[in-house]
C-alpha atoms as a PDB file:
ATOM      1  CA  UNK A   1      82.162 -77.329 -23.317  1.00  0.00           C
ATOM      2  CA  UNK A   2      84.607 -74.417 -23.371  1.00  0.00           C
ATOM      3  CA  UNK A   3      82.758 -72.970 -20.224  1.00  0.00           C
ATOM      4  CA  UNK A   4      83.462 -76.259 -18.569  1.00  0.00           C
ATOM      5  CA  UNK A   5      87.245 -76.294 -19.519  1.00  0.00           C
ATOM      6  CA  UNK A   6      87.520 -72.867 -18.431  1.00  0.00           C
ATOM      7  CA  UNK A   7      86.112 -73.616 -15.085  1.00  0.00           C
ATOM      8  CA  UNK A   8      88.292 -76.547 -14.676  1.00  0.00           C
ATOM      9  CA  UNK A   9      91.397 -74.492 -15.626  1.00  0.00           C
ATOM     10  CA  UNK A  10      90.850 -71.688 -13.468  1.00  0.00           C
ATOM     11  CA  UNK A  11      91.664 -73.933 -10.339  1.00  0.00           C
ATOM     12  CA  UNK A  12      90.201 -71.508  -7.928  1.00  0.00           C
ATOM     13  CA  UNK A  13      87.759 -72.634  -4.927  1.00  0.00           C
ATOM     14  CA  UNK A  14      86.375 -70.855  -2.206  1.00  0.00           C
ATOM     15  CA  UNK A  15      84.084 -71.821   0.660  1.00  0.00           C
ATOM     16  CA  UNK A  16      80.308 -71.050   0.286  1.00  0.00           C
ATOM     17  CA  UNK A  17      79.381 -70.084   3.924  1.00  0.00           C
ATOM     18  CA  UNK A  18      76.320 -68.055   3.212  1.00  0.00           C
ATOM     19  CA  UNK A  19      73.941 -70.089   0.772  1.00  0.00           C
ATOM     20  CA  UNK A  20      70.366 -70.685   2.365  1.00  0.00           C
ATOM     21  CA  UNK A  21      69.039 -73.811   1.876  1.00  0.00           C
ATOM     22  CA  UNK A  22      66.222 -74.609  -0.496  1.00  0.00           C
ATOM     23  CA  UNK A  23      62.685 -74.253   1.188  1.00  0.00           C
ATOM     24  CA  UNK A  24      62.151 -77.419   3.550  1.00  0.00           C
ATOM     25  CA  UNK A  25      59.200 -79.251   5.055  1.00  0.00           C
ATOM     26  CA  UNK A  26      56.286 -80.588   2.872  1.00  0.00           C
ATOM     27  CA  UNK A  27      57.950 -79.107  -0.144  1.00  0.00           C
ATOM     28  CA  UNK A  28      59.306 -81.368  -2.900  1.00  0.00           C
ATOM     29  CA  UNK A  29      62.747 -79.786  -4.050  1.00  0.00           C
ATOM     30  CA  UNK A  30      64.495 -83.070  -4.830  1.00  0.00           C
ATOM     31  CA  UNK A  31      67.205 -82.444  -1.958  1.00  0.00           C
ATOM     32  CA  UNK A  32      69.036 -80.064  -4.457  1.00  0.00           C
ATOM     33  CA  UNK A  33      71.174 -77.336  -3.003  1.00  0.00           C
ATOM     34  CA  UNK A  34      73.032 -74.919  -5.146  1.00  0.00           C
ATOM     35  CA  UNK A  35      76.713 -74.631  -4.749  1.00  0.00           C
ATOM     36  CA  UNK A  36      76.643 -70.756  -6.016  1.00  0.00           C
ATOM     37  CA  UNK A  37      75.518 -68.156  -3.768  1.00  0.00           C
ATOM     38  CA  UNK A  38      74.488 -64.423  -4.221  1.00  0.00           C
ATOM     39  CA  UNK A  39      74.292 -61.781  -2.034  1.00  0.00           C
ATOM     40  CA  UNK A  40      73.309 -58.070  -2.377  1.00  0.00           C
ATOM     41  CA  UNK A  41      74.163 -55.227  -0.139  1.00  0.00           C
ATOM     42  CA  UNK A  42      71.740 -52.394   0.750  1.00  0.00           C
ATOM     43  CA  UNK A  43      71.126 -49.997  -2.339  1.00  0.00           C
ATOM     44  CA  UNK A  44      72.000 -46.001  -1.637  1.00  0.00           C
ATOM     45  CA  UNK A  45      72.095 -43.081  -4.122  1.00  0.00           C
ATOM     46  CA  UNK A  46      71.788 -45.665  -7.280  1.00  0.00           C
ATOM     47  CA  UNK A  47      74.422 -48.129  -6.146  1.00  0.00           C
ATOM     48  CA  UNK A  48      74.295 -51.771  -5.189  1.00  0.00           C
ATOM     49  CA  UNK A  49      76.955 -53.995  -3.738  1.00  0.00           C
ATOM     50  CA  UNK A  50      76.542 -57.486  -5.595  1.00  0.00           C
ATOM     51  CA  UNK A  51      78.460 -60.916  -4.678  1.00  0.00           C
ATOM     52  CA  UNK A  52      78.487 -64.201  -6.506  1.00  0.00           C
ATOM     53  CA  UNK A  53      80.463 -66.981  -4.783  1.00  0.00           C
ATOM     54  CA  UNK A  54      81.204 -70.474  -5.877  1.00  0.00           C
ATOM     55  CA  UNK A  55      83.787 -72.979  -7.027  1.00  0.00           C
ATOM     56  CA  UNK A  56      85.056 -70.311  -8.983  1.00  0.00           C
ATOM     57  CA  UNK A  57      85.855 -67.892  -6.572  1.00  0.00           C
ATOM     58  CA  UNK A  58      83.916 -64.752  -5.549  1.00  0.00           C
ATOM     59  CA  UNK A  59      83.050 -61.606  -7.682  1.00  0.00           C
ATOM     60  CA  UNK A  60      82.320 -58.748  -5.721  1.00  0.00           C
ATOM     61  CA  UNK A  61      81.048 -55.479  -7.447  1.00  0.00           C
ATOM     62  CA  UNK A  62      79.631 -52.163  -6.732  1.00  0.00           C
ATOM     63  CA  UNK A  63      76.943 -51.598  -9.428  1.00  0.00           C
ATOM     64  CA  UNK A  64      74.895 -48.813 -10.853  1.00  0.00           C
ATOM     65  CA  UNK A  65      71.218 -48.500 -11.523  1.00  0.00           C
ATOM     66  CA  UNK A  66      72.136 -46.647 -14.895  1.00  0.00           C
ATOM     67  CA  UNK A  67      71.463 -47.180 -17.870  1.00  0.00           C
ATOM     68  CA  UNK A  68      69.903 -50.456 -17.673  1.00  0.00           C
ATOM     69  CA  UNK A  69      67.989 -52.299 -14.813  1.00  0.00           C
ATOM     70  CA  UNK A  70      70.040 -55.129 -13.869  1.00  0.00           C
ATOM     71  CA  UNK A  71      67.720 -56.809 -11.036  1.00  0.00           C
ATOM     72  CA  UNK A  72      65.148 -57.112 -13.582  1.00  0.00           C
ATOM     73  CA  UNK A  73      67.413 -58.551 -16.318  1.00  0.00           C
ATOM     74  CA  UNK A  74      68.741 -61.106 -13.620  1.00  0.00           C
ATOM     75  CA  UNK A  75      65.118 -62.059 -12.628  1.00  0.00           C
ATOM     76  CA  UNK A  76      64.059 -62.622 -16.192  1.00  0.00           C
ATOM     77  CA  UNK A  77      67.340 -64.546 -16.995  1.00  0.00           C
ATOM     78  CA  UNK A  78      66.628 -66.658 -13.840  1.00  0.00           C
ATOM     79  CA  UNK A  79      62.973 -67.416 -15.410  1.00  0.00           C
ATOM     80  CA  UNK A  80      64.253 -68.218 -18.850  1.00  0.00           C
ATOM     81  CA  UNK A  81      67.011 -70.434 -17.611  1.00  0.00           C
ATOM     82  CA  UNK A  82      64.510 -72.518 -15.576  1.00  0.00           C
ATOM     83  CA  UNK A  83      62.194 -72.572 -18.230  1.00  0.00           C
ATOM     84  CA  UNK A  84      64.782 -74.315 -20.672  1.00  0.00           C
ATOM     85  CA  UNK A  85      66.583 -71.559 -22.289  1.00  0.00           C
ATOM     86  CA  UNK A  86      70.432 -72.711 -23.131  1.00  0.00           C
ATOM     87  CA  UNK A  87      71.584 -69.221 -22.563  1.00  0.00           C
ATOM     88  CA  UNK A  88      71.073 -65.709 -20.974  1.00  0.00           C
ATOM     89  CA  UNK A  89      73.206 -62.836 -20.597  1.00  0.00           C
ATOM     90  CA  UNK A  90      72.872 -59.968 -17.458  1.00  0.00           C
ATOM     91  CA  UNK A  91      74.435 -56.549 -17.511  1.00  0.00           C
ATOM     92  CA  UNK A  92      75.658 -55.084 -14.847  1.00  0.00           C
ATOM     93  CA  UNK A  93      76.857 -51.309 -14.924  1.00  0.00           C
ATOM     94  CA  UNK A  94      79.768 -50.216 -12.974  1.00  0.00           C
ATOM     95  CA  UNK A  95      80.126 -46.870 -14.772  1.00  0.00           C
ATOM     96  CA  UNK A  96      81.897 -46.605 -17.191  1.00  0.00           C
ATOM     97  CA  UNK A  97      82.787 -50.430 -17.414  1.00  0.00           C
ATOM     98  CA  UNK A  98      80.066 -53.044 -17.626  1.00  0.00           C
ATOM     99  CA  UNK A  99      80.330 -56.862 -16.202  1.00  0.00           C
ATOM    100  CA  UNK A 100      78.198 -59.716 -17.896  1.00  0.00           C
ATOM    101  CA  UNK A 101      76.901 -62.624 -16.218  1.00  0.00           C
ATOM    102  CA  UNK A 102      76.507 -65.163 -19.092  1.00  0.00           C
ATOM    103  CA  UNK A 103      74.296 -68.374 -17.968  1.00  0.00           C
ATOM    104  CA  UNK A 104      75.147 -71.160 -20.481  1.00  0.00           C
ATOM    105  CA  UNK A 105      73.653 -74.747 -20.315  1.00  0.00           C
ATOM    106  CA  UNK A 106      76.483 -77.151 -19.975  1.00  0.00           C
ATOM    107  CA  UNK A 107      76.145 -80.961 -19.595  1.00  0.00           C
ATOM    108  CA  UNK A 108      72.538 -80.718 -18.145  1.00  0.00           C
ATOM    109  CA  UNK A 109      73.389 -77.822 -15.824  1.00  0.00           C
ATOM    110  CA  UNK A 110      73.865 -74.049 -15.870  1.00  0.00           C
ATOM    111  CA  UNK A 111      77.401 -72.448 -15.837  1.00  0.00           C
ATOM    112  CA  UNK A 112      77.787 -69.131 -14.818  1.00  0.00           C
ATOM    113  CA  UNK A 113      80.953 -67.121 -16.819  1.00  0.00           C
ATOM    114  CA  UNK A 114      81.363 -63.480 -15.413  1.00  0.00           C
ATOM    115  CA  UNK A 115      83.382 -61.594 -17.893  1.00  0.00           C
ATOM    116  CA  UNK A 116      84.086 -57.819 -17.521  1.00  0.00           C
ATOM    117  CA  UNK A 117      85.272 -54.951 -19.920  1.00  0.00           C
ATOM    118  CA  UNK A 118      88.757 -55.519 -18.487  1.00  0.00           C
ATOM    119  CA  UNK A 119      89.002 -59.020 -19.654  1.00  0.00           C
ATOM    120  CA  UNK A 120      88.799 -60.464 -16.494  1.00  0.00           C
ATOM    121  CA  UNK A 121      86.714 -63.897 -16.372  1.00  0.00           C
ATOM    122  CA  UNK A 122      85.557 -65.849 -13.734  1.00  0.00           C
ATOM    123  CA  UNK A 123      83.359 -69.299 -14.238  1.00  0.00           C
ATOM    124  CA  UNK A 124      81.186 -70.732 -11.533  1.00  0.00           C
ATOM    125  CA  UNK A 125      80.551 -74.512 -12.027  1.00  0.00           C
ATOM    126  CA  UNK A 126      77.818 -76.519 -13.608  1.00  0.00           C
ATOM    127  CA  UNK A 127      74.764 -76.031 -11.388  1.00  0.00           C
ATOM    128  CA  UNK A 128      71.139 -77.563 -11.365  1.00  0.00           C
ATOM    129  CA  UNK A 129      68.956 -74.828 -13.217  1.00  0.00           C
ATOM    130  CA  UNK A 130      66.495 -75.064 -10.240  1.00  0.00           C
ATOM    131  CA  UNK A 131      68.830 -74.933  -7.672  1.00  0.00           C
ATOM    132  CA  UNK A 132      70.511 -71.813  -9.128  1.00  0.00           C
ATOM    133  CA  UNK A 133      67.471 -70.089  -9.887  1.00  0.00           C
ATOM    134  CA  UNK A 134      66.097 -70.612  -6.124  1.00  0.00           C
ATOM    135  CA  UNK A 135      69.568 -69.124  -5.277  1.00  0.00           C
ATOM    136  CA  UNK A 136      68.744 -65.991  -7.289  1.00  0.00           C
ATOM    137  CA  UNK A 137      64.948 -65.988  -5.971  1.00  0.00           C
ATOM    138  CA  UNK A 138      66.232 -65.749  -2.284  1.00  0.00           C
ATOM    139  CA  UNK A 139      68.614 -63.324  -2.938  1.00  0.00           C
ATOM    140  CA  UNK A 140      66.006 -61.168  -4.671  1.00  0.00           C
ATOM    141  CA  UNK A 141      63.780 -61.744  -2.031  1.00  0.00           C
ATOM    142  CA  UNK A 142      66.106 -60.669   0.584  1.00  0.00           C
ATOM    143  CA  UNK A 143      67.205 -57.364  -1.283  1.00  0.00           C
ATOM    144  CA  UNK A 144      63.274 -56.527  -1.517  1.00  0.00           C
ATOM    145  CA  UNK A 145      63.026 -56.833   1.975  1.00  0.00           C
ATOM    146  CA  UNK A 146      65.770 -54.426   2.798  1.00  0.00           C
ATOM    147  CA  UNK A 147      64.261 -51.499   4.679  1.00  0.00           C
ATOM    148  CA  UNK A 148      66.080 -49.047   2.165  1.00  0.00           C
ATOM    149  CA  UNK A 149      63.078 -50.298  -0.481  1.00  0.00           C
ATOM    150  CA  UNK A 150      60.324 -48.966   1.882  1.00  0.00           C
ATOM    151  CA  UNK A 151      59.418 -45.646   1.199  1.00  0.00           C
ATOM    152  CA  UNK A 152      61.011 -42.802  -1.224  1.00  0.00           C
ATOM    153  CA  UNK A 153      63.263 -45.280  -3.314  1.00  0.00           C
ATOM    154  CA  UNK A 154      64.293 -42.423  -5.334  1.00  0.00           C
ATOM    155  CA  UNK A 155      67.456 -41.941  -2.918  1.00  0.00           C
ATOM    156  CA  UNK A 156      67.874 -45.805  -3.500  1.00  0.00           C
ATOM    157  CA  UNK A 157      67.512 -46.703  -7.130  1.00  0.00           C
ATOM    158  CA  UNK A 158      66.215 -45.016 -10.155  1.00  0.00           C
ATOM    159  CA  UNK A 159      63.602 -48.121 -10.774  1.00  0.00           C
ATOM    160  CA  UNK A 160      61.244 -49.799  -8.624  1.00  0.00           C
ATOM    161  CA  UNK A 161      62.225 -53.051  -7.420  1.00  0.00           C
ATOM    162  CA  UNK A 162      61.194 -55.985 -10.005  1.00  0.00           C
ATOM    163  CA  UNK A 163      58.088 -57.183  -8.231  1.00  0.00           C
ATOM    164  CA  UNK A 164      56.728 -58.672 -11.144  1.00  0.00           C
ATOM    165  CA  UNK A 165      59.723 -60.290 -12.745  1.00  0.00           C
ATOM    166  CA  UNK A 166      60.624 -61.967  -9.264  1.00  0.00           C
ATOM    167  CA  UNK A 167      57.168 -63.110  -8.818  1.00  0.00           C
ATOM    168  CA  UNK A 168      56.918 -64.553 -12.397  1.00  0.00           C
ATOM    169  CA  UNK A 169      60.317 -66.445 -11.329  1.00  0.00           C
ATOM    170  CA  UNK A 170      58.686 -67.808  -8.173  1.00  0.00           C
ATOM    171  CA  UNK A 171      55.697 -69.021  -9.995  1.00  0.00           C
ATOM    172  CA  UNK A 172      58.140 -70.957 -12.424  1.00  0.00           C
ATOM    173  CA  UNK A 173      59.962 -72.332  -9.580  1.00  0.00           C
ATOM    174  CA  UNK A 174      56.935 -73.621  -7.798  1.00  0.00           C
ATOM    175  CA  UNK A 175      55.378 -75.167 -10.782  1.00  0.00           C
ATOM    176  CA  UNK A 176      59.035 -77.218 -11.520  1.00  0.00           C
ATOM    177  CA  UNK A 177      59.282 -78.314  -7.864  1.00  0.00           C
ATOM    178  CA  UNK A 178      55.637 -79.156  -6.619  1.00  0.00           C
ATOM    179  CA  UNK A 179      55.753 -76.538  -3.999  1.00  0.00           C
ATOM    180  CA  UNK A 180      52.311 -75.349  -2.749  1.00  0.00           C
ATOM    181  CA  UNK A 181      51.398 -71.729  -4.118  1.00  0.00           C
ATOM    182  CA  UNK A 182      51.350 -68.911  -1.669  1.00  0.00           C
ATOM    183  CA  UNK A 183      48.313 -68.543   0.447  1.00  0.00           C
END
């Protein structure tokens, strides 16, 4: 409930103009669309722009690939959240600071609280877990399709793209939304 109160008290709103809809066609997604959007820039020399937007505003950071694998943390956290885990954290490394994205179950949904070492906090509203996790999955897939990941990735990111974690997330989402598996 504290997360919901923090969100209500923030009073901040922003338009979300780059959310992609959930899969359409014969796929059964219950008509759910996330109000939170996530976008990545193109990785270069161990740095990556990350932007999270929603009812709480927009948080944009350039994050580092050391000392941890934040992309894998994000995919794993989304998989756990969609599987019913009540709380997960993801750490983004800013060198020397850190940002934390705390995913918390609130009133049947998931709130995202972004906090930094500087004490700044932004809360993104109460999302349906499946909608939020589809948003994360789509953003990670768009990032994977970035041409920077093709070829010599040592100039891009110090770790390989977290393919296994992203695939596992999609498998969980497909099971929960009755989507047909990939051919």
